[in-house]
C-alpha atoms as a PDB file:
ATOM      1  CA  MET A   1     -88.914 -30.400 -64.190  1.00  0.00           C
ATOM      2  CA  GLU A   2     -86.746 -28.408 -66.522  1.00  0.00           C
ATOM      3  CA  ASN A   3     -83.840 -30.796 -65.994  1.00  0.00           C
ATOM      4  CA  PRO A   4     -85.258 -34.288 -65.223  1.00  0.00           C
ATOM      5  CA  PRO A   5     -82.920 -36.993 -63.946  1.00  0.00           C
ATOM      6  CA  ARG A   6     -81.537 -39.520 -66.423  1.00  0.00           C
ATOM      7  CA  HIS A   7     -82.131 -42.430 -64.052  1.00  0.00           C
ATOM      8  CA  ASP A   8     -85.394 -44.298 -63.547  1.00  0.00           C
ATOM      9  CA  GLY A   9     -85.469 -44.149 -59.752  1.00  0.00           C
ATOM     10  CA  ILE A  10     -83.338 -44.443 -56.638  1.00  0.00           C
ATOM     11  CA  ALA A  11     -83.593 -47.008 -53.851  1.00  0.00           C
ATOM     12  CA  ALA A  12     -81.555 -46.118 -50.769  1.00  0.00           C
ATOM     13  CA  GLY A  13     -81.176 -48.328 -47.725  1.00  0.00           C
ATOM     14  CA  THR A  14     -80.884 -45.285 -45.470  1.00  0.00           C
ATOM     15  CA  LEU A  15     -80.262 -41.563 -45.434  1.00  0.00           C
ATOM     16  CA  TYR A  16     -76.691 -40.459 -44.896  1.00  0.00           C
ATOM     17  CA  ASN A  17     -76.248 -39.622 -41.217  1.00  0.00           C
ATOM     18  CA  ASP A  18     -73.492 -40.179 -38.635  1.00  0.00           C
ATOM     19  CA  THR A  19     -74.321 -43.863 -38.217  1.00  0.00           C
ATOM     20  CA  ALA A  20     -74.479 -44.517 -41.970  1.00  0.00           C
ATOM     21  CA  ARG A  21     -71.228 -42.588 -42.433  1.00  0.00           C
ATOM     22  CA  LYS A  22     -69.454 -44.736 -39.823  1.00  0.00           C
ATOM     23  CA  LEU A  23     -70.755 -47.938 -41.434  1.00  0.00           C
ATOM     24  CA  VAL A  24     -69.656 -46.872 -44.919  1.00  0.00           C
ATOM     25  CA  LEU A  25     -66.206 -45.753 -43.760  1.00  0.00           C
ATOM     26  CA  THR A  26     -65.721 -48.951 -41.771  1.00  0.00           C
ATOM     27  CA  PHE A  27     -66.824 -51.032 -44.761  1.00  0.00           C
ATOM     28  CA  LYS A  28     -64.847 -49.171 -47.412  1.00  0.00           C
ATOM     29  CA  HIS A  29     -61.730 -47.889 -45.675  1.00  0.00           C
ATOM     30  CA  GLY A  30     -61.704 -50.099 -42.585  1.00  0.00           C
ATOM     31  CA  ARG A  31     -61.807 -53.137 -44.861  1.00  0.00           C
ATOM     32  CA  LYS A  32     -64.727 -54.706 -42.961  1.00  0.00           C
ATOM     33  CA  ILE A  33     -66.130 -56.413 -46.036  1.00  0.00           C
ATOM     34  CA  ALA A  34     -68.207 -58.732 -43.843  1.00  0.00           C
ATOM     35  CA  LEU A  35     -70.632 -55.781 -43.576  1.00  0.00           C
ATOM     36  CA  ALA A  36     -71.630 -56.249 -47.240  1.00  0.00           C
ATOM     37  CA  PRO A  37     -74.541 -58.676 -46.600  1.00  0.00           C
ATOM     38  CA  MET A  38     -76.123 -56.378 -43.998  1.00  0.00           C
ATOM     39  CA  LEU A  39     -75.707 -53.217 -46.080  1.00  0.00           C
ATOM     40  CA  ALA A  40     -77.007 -54.967 -49.201  1.00  0.00           C
ATOM     41  CA  GLY A  41     -79.926 -56.380 -47.225  1.00  0.00           C
ATOM     42  CA  MET A  42     -80.967 -52.868 -46.262  1.00  0.00           C
ATOM     43  CA  MET A  43     -80.656 -51.815 -49.897  1.00  0.00           C
ATOM     44  CA  ALA A  44     -82.603 -54.812 -51.209  1.00  0.00           C
ATOM     45  CA  SER A  45     -85.429 -54.131 -48.751  1.00  0.00           C
ATOM     46  CA  ARG A  46     -86.002 -50.806 -50.537  1.00  0.00           C
ATOM     47  CA  LEU A  47     -86.140 -52.309 -54.013  1.00  0.00           C
ATOM     48  CA  GLN A  48     -89.449 -53.113 -55.602  1.00  0.00           C
ATOM     49  CA  MET A  49     -89.679 -56.548 -57.148  1.00  0.00           C
ATOM     50  CA  LEU A  50     -87.276 -56.843 -60.059  1.00  0.00           C
ATOM     51  CA  GLY A  51     -87.761 -59.431 -62.752  1.00  0.00           C
ATOM     52  CA  ASP A  52     -85.048 -61.799 -63.871  1.00  0.00           C
ATOM     53  CA  ASP A  53     -84.577 -59.573 -66.917  1.00  0.00           C
ATOM     54  CA  TRP A  54     -82.624 -57.055 -64.805  1.00  0.00           C
ATOM     55  CA  LEU A  55     -78.840 -56.798 -64.754  1.00  0.00           C
ATOM     56  CA  THR A  56     -77.081 -55.695 -61.572  1.00  0.00           C
ATOM     57  CA  VAL A  57     -74.047 -53.545 -62.401  1.00  0.00           C
ATOM     58  CA  PRO A  58     -71.721 -51.985 -59.800  1.00  0.00           C
ATOM     59  CA  VAL A  59     -70.142 -48.554 -60.121  1.00  0.00           C
ATOM     60  CA  PRO A  60     -66.588 -49.324 -61.257  1.00  0.00           C
ATOM     61  CA  LEU A  61     -63.305 -48.411 -59.617  1.00  0.00           C
ATOM     62  CA  HIS A  62     -60.257 -47.498 -61.650  1.00  0.00           C
ATOM     63  CA  ARG A  63     -57.693 -50.295 -61.584  1.00  0.00           C
ATOM     64  CA  PHE A  64     -55.247 -48.181 -59.539  1.00  0.00           C
ATOM     65  CA  ARG A  65     -57.883 -47.579 -56.840  1.00  0.00           C
ATOM     66  CA  LEU A  66     -58.848 -51.257 -56.957  1.00  0.00           C
ATOM     67  CA  TRP A  67     -55.214 -52.315 -56.470  1.00  0.00           C
ATOM     68  CA  GLN A  68     -54.847 -49.817 -53.635  1.00  0.00           C
ATOM     69  CA  ARG A  69     -58.046 -50.781 -51.787  1.00  0.00           C
ATOM     70  CA  GLY A  70     -58.022 -54.462 -52.716  1.00  0.00           C
ATOM     71  CA  PHE A  71     -61.754 -54.642 -53.482  1.00  0.00           C
ATOM     72  CA  ASN A  72     -64.583 -52.703 -55.089  1.00  0.00           C
ATOM     73  CA  GLN A  73     -67.150 -52.018 -52.371  1.00  0.00           C
ATOM     74  CA  SER A  74     -69.883 -51.477 -54.966  1.00  0.00           C
ATOM     75  CA  ALA A  75     -69.130 -54.849 -56.542  1.00  0.00           C
ATOM     76  CA  LEU A  76     -69.397 -56.565 -53.144  1.00  0.00           C
ATOM     77  CA  LEU A  77     -72.787 -54.941 -52.596  1.00  0.00           C
ATOM     78  CA  ALA A  78     -73.893 -55.756 -56.149  1.00  0.00           C
ATOM     79  CA  ARG A  79     -73.058 -59.449 -55.682  1.00  0.00           C
ATOM     80  CA  GLN A  80     -75.166 -59.585 -52.523  1.00  0.00           C
ATOM     81  CA  ILE A  81     -78.070 -57.724 -54.152  1.00  0.00           C
ATOM     82  CA  SER A  82     -77.906 -59.972 -57.204  1.00  0.00           C
ATOM     83  CA  ASP A  83     -78.156 -63.006 -54.927  1.00  0.00           C
ATOM     84  CA  LYS A  84     -81.069 -61.495 -52.970  1.00  0.00           C
ATOM     85  CA  THR A  85     -83.053 -60.314 -56.020  1.00  0.00           C
ATOM     86  CA  GLY A  86     -82.296 -63.085 -58.497  1.00  0.00           C
ATOM     87  CA  THR A  87     -80.927 -60.614 -61.020  1.00  0.00           C
ATOM     88  CA  GLU A  88     -77.916 -61.330 -63.188  1.00  0.00           C
ATOM     89  CA  LEU A  89     -74.654 -59.791 -61.973  1.00  0.00           C
ATOM     90  CA  LEU A  90     -72.552 -58.061 -64.599  1.00  0.00           C
ATOM     91  CA  VAL A  91     -69.618 -57.119 -62.395  1.00  0.00           C
ATOM     92  CA  ASP A  92     -67.583 -55.627 -65.254  1.00  0.00           C
ATOM     93  CA  GLY A  93     -70.428 -54.008 -67.193  1.00  0.00           C
ATOM     94  CA  LEU A  94     -68.854 -50.596 -66.654  1.00  0.00           C
ATOM     95  CA  LEU A  95     -65.212 -49.553 -66.667  1.00  0.00           C
ATOM     96  CA  ARG A  96     -63.499 -46.623 -64.993  1.00  0.00           C
ATOM     97  CA  THR A  97     -61.284 -45.502 -67.878  1.00  0.00           C
ATOM     98  CA  LYS A  98     -59.706 -42.530 -66.132  1.00  0.00           C
ATOM     99  CA  SER A  99     -58.132 -42.369 -62.698  1.00  0.00           C
ATOM    100  CA  THR A 100     -59.892 -39.626 -60.782  1.00  0.00           C
ATOM    101  CA  PRO A 101     -59.080 -38.145 -57.400  1.00  0.00           C
ATOM    102  CA  ALA A 102     -61.365 -38.867 -54.447  1.00  0.00           C
ATOM    103  CA  LEU A 103     -64.471 -36.720 -54.784  1.00  0.00           C
ATOM    104  CA  GLY A 104     -64.826 -35.905 -51.077  1.00  0.00           C
ATOM    105  CA  GLY A 105     -64.611 -32.183 -50.474  1.00  0.00           C
ATOM    106  CA  LEU A 106     -65.513 -31.280 -54.058  1.00  0.00           C
ATOM    107  CA  GLY A 107     -68.687 -29.404 -54.931  1.00  0.00           C
ATOM    108  CA  LYS A 108     -71.407 -30.758 -57.223  1.00  0.00           C
ATOM    109  CA  LYS A 109     -70.081 -29.067 -60.376  1.00  0.00           C
ATOM    110  CA  GLN A 110     -66.461 -30.031 -59.627  1.00  0.00           C
ATOM    111  CA  ARG A 111     -67.496 -33.665 -59.107  1.00  0.00           C
ATOM    112  CA  ALA A 112     -69.349 -33.749 -62.434  1.00  0.00           C
ATOM    113  CA  LYS A 113     -66.409 -32.156 -64.259  1.00  0.00           C
ATOM    114  CA  THR A 114     -63.937 -34.588 -62.659  1.00  0.00           C
ATOM    115  CA  LEU A 115     -65.990 -37.568 -63.873  1.00  0.00           C
ATOM    116  CA  GLN A 116     -66.395 -36.410 -67.479  1.00  0.00           C
ATOM    117  CA  GLY A 117     -65.140 -39.211 -69.713  1.00  0.00           C
ATOM    118  CA  ALA A 118     -64.117 -41.368 -66.730  1.00  0.00           C
ATOM    119  CA  ILE A 119     -66.788 -44.085 -67.109  1.00  0.00           C
ATOM    120  CA  ALA A 120     -67.450 -46.310 -70.123  1.00  0.00           C
ATOM    121  CA  VAL A 121     -69.509 -49.358 -70.974  1.00  0.00           C
ATOM    122  CA  ASN A 122     -67.277 -52.410 -71.256  1.00  0.00           C
ATOM    123  CA  PRO A 123     -67.110 -53.119 -75.014  1.00  0.00           C
ATOM    124  CA  LYS A 124     -67.496 -56.864 -74.435  1.00  0.00           C
ATOM    125  CA  HIS A 125     -70.912 -56.243 -72.805  1.00  0.00           C
ATOM    126  CA  LYS A 126     -72.372 -53.616 -75.188  1.00  0.00           C
ATOM    127  CA  GLU A 127     -74.842 -56.057 -76.748  1.00  0.00           C
ATOM    128  CA  ARG A 128     -75.914 -57.376 -73.340  1.00  0.00           C
ATOM    129  CA  ILE A 129     -76.601 -53.843 -72.087  1.00  0.00           C
ATOM    130  CA  LYS A 130     -78.561 -52.767 -75.156  1.00  0.00           C
ATOM    131  CA  GLN A 131     -82.288 -52.739 -74.247  1.00  0.00           C
ATOM    132  CA  ALA A 132     -81.505 -54.127 -70.761  1.00  0.00           C
ATOM    133  CA  ASN A 133     -82.948 -52.998 -67.452  1.00  0.00           C
ATOM    134  CA  ILE A 134     -79.995 -52.080 -65.232  1.00  0.00           C
ATOM    135  CA  LEU A 135     -79.762 -51.850 -61.459  1.00  0.00           C
ATOM    136  CA  LEU A 136     -76.728 -49.624 -60.831  1.00  0.00           C
ATOM    137  CA  VAL A 137     -75.202 -50.259 -57.396  1.00  0.00           C
ATOM    138  CA  ASP A 138     -73.055 -47.915 -55.309  1.00  0.00           C
ATOM    139  CA  ASP A 139     -72.375 -47.481 -51.605  1.00  0.00           C
ATOM    140  CA  VAL A 140     -73.283 -43.796 -51.235  1.00  0.00           C
ATOM    141  CA  LEU A 141     -75.123 -41.366 -53.475  1.00  0.00           C
ATOM    142  CA  THR A 142     -73.833 -37.890 -52.660  1.00  0.00           C
ATOM    143  CA  SER A 143     -74.149 -35.296 -55.422  1.00  0.00           C
ATOM    144  CA  GLY A 144     -75.160 -37.859 -58.018  1.00  0.00           C
ATOM    145  CA  ALA A 145     -72.134 -37.093 -60.207  1.00  0.00           C
ATOM    146  CA  THR A 146     -70.843 -40.675 -60.262  1.00  0.00           C
ATOM    147  CA  SER A 147     -74.241 -42.257 -60.808  1.00  0.00           C
ATOM    148  CA  ASN A 148     -75.101 -39.647 -63.461  1.00  0.00           C
ATOM    149  CA  ALA A 149     -71.907 -40.456 -65.349  1.00  0.00           C
ATOM    150  CA  CYS A 150     -72.759 -44.166 -65.189  1.00  0.00           C
ATOM    151  CA  VAL A 151     -76.408 -43.676 -66.170  1.00  0.00           C
ATOM    152  CA  PHE A 152     -75.353 -41.455 -69.082  1.00  0.00           C
ATOM    153  CA  VAL A 153     -73.087 -44.088 -70.649  1.00  0.00           C
ATOM    154  CA  LEU A 154     -75.547 -46.927 -69.949  1.00  0.00           C
ATOM    155  CA  LYS A 155     -78.425 -45.059 -71.616  1.00  0.00           C
ATOM    156  CA  ARG A 156     -76.180 -43.996 -74.506  1.00  0.00           C
ATOM    157  CA  ALA A 157     -75.349 -47.699 -74.971  1.00  0.00           C
ATOM    158  CA  GLY A 158     -79.072 -48.406 -75.254  1.00  0.00           C
ATOM    159  CA  ALA A 159     -80.122 -49.490 -71.751  1.00  0.00           C
ATOM    160  CA  ALA A 160     -83.910 -49.373 -71.449  1.00  0.00           C
ATOM    161  CA  LYS A 161     -84.011 -48.438 -67.747  1.00  0.00           C
ATOM    162  CA  VAL A 162     -81.404 -47.636 -65.128  1.00  0.00           C
ATOM    163  CA  LYS A 163     -82.390 -47.651 -61.458  1.00  0.00           C
ATOM    164  CA  ILE A 164     -79.882 -46.741 -58.775  1.00  0.00           C
ATOM    165  CA  ALA A 165     -79.478 -48.739 -55.578  1.00  0.00           C
ATOM    166  CA  CYS A 166     -77.271 -47.303 -52.847  1.00  0.00           C
ATOM    167  CA  PHE A 167     -76.776 -48.044 -49.184  1.00  0.00           C
ATOM    168  CA  SER A 168     -76.934 -44.409 -48.138  1.00  0.00           C
ATOM    169  CA  ARG A 169     -78.182 -41.264 -49.810  1.00  0.00           C
ATOM    170  CA  VAL A 170     -77.191 -37.701 -48.988  1.00  0.00           C
ATOM    171  CA  LEU A 171     -80.087 -35.265 -49.154  1.00  0.00           C
ATOM    172  CA  ASP A 172     -79.629 -32.499 -51.730  1.00  0.00           C
ATOM    173  CA  GLU A 173     -79.815 -29.866 -49.000  1.00  0.00           C
ATOM    174  CA  ALA A 174     -76.703 -31.348 -47.361  1.00  0.00           C
ATOM    175  CA  ILE A 175     -74.459 -30.971 -50.426  1.00  0.00           C
END
């Protein structure tokens, strides 16, 4: 209560367990992008009705990571969720301005420090984001460092609400 979250809620398709881990790794690193509709379907089933005034925005990848991987898994999920919910997709609403190392293996504080200044609102969408309701999409919510960095810049840009949608969520006790 002393430190309330910046976001306006989290909708997770599933808790992070061995099965969810295998699905995410297969999707993201095994390049099985055909899993996106199923994963997004599980996410969308956890979302309460969203009006057409919501924008769906994926967590961004830095261009080097995008070139390396060939796709942004969060953007693939966001496209599917946008289609399922009737929300507007703003695929480049956020930018990853700083190349950061993979966060796996880092603690909560290290993750937050690594992401400082790494996310920004795309200047060409600042007016669209102002007063908007945003559905922020990512594959996994671990420590919350990435989503917190995104929510921070979205709220600073004037977003009215920011809800997080993820396929899998790690319980705080597991971090």
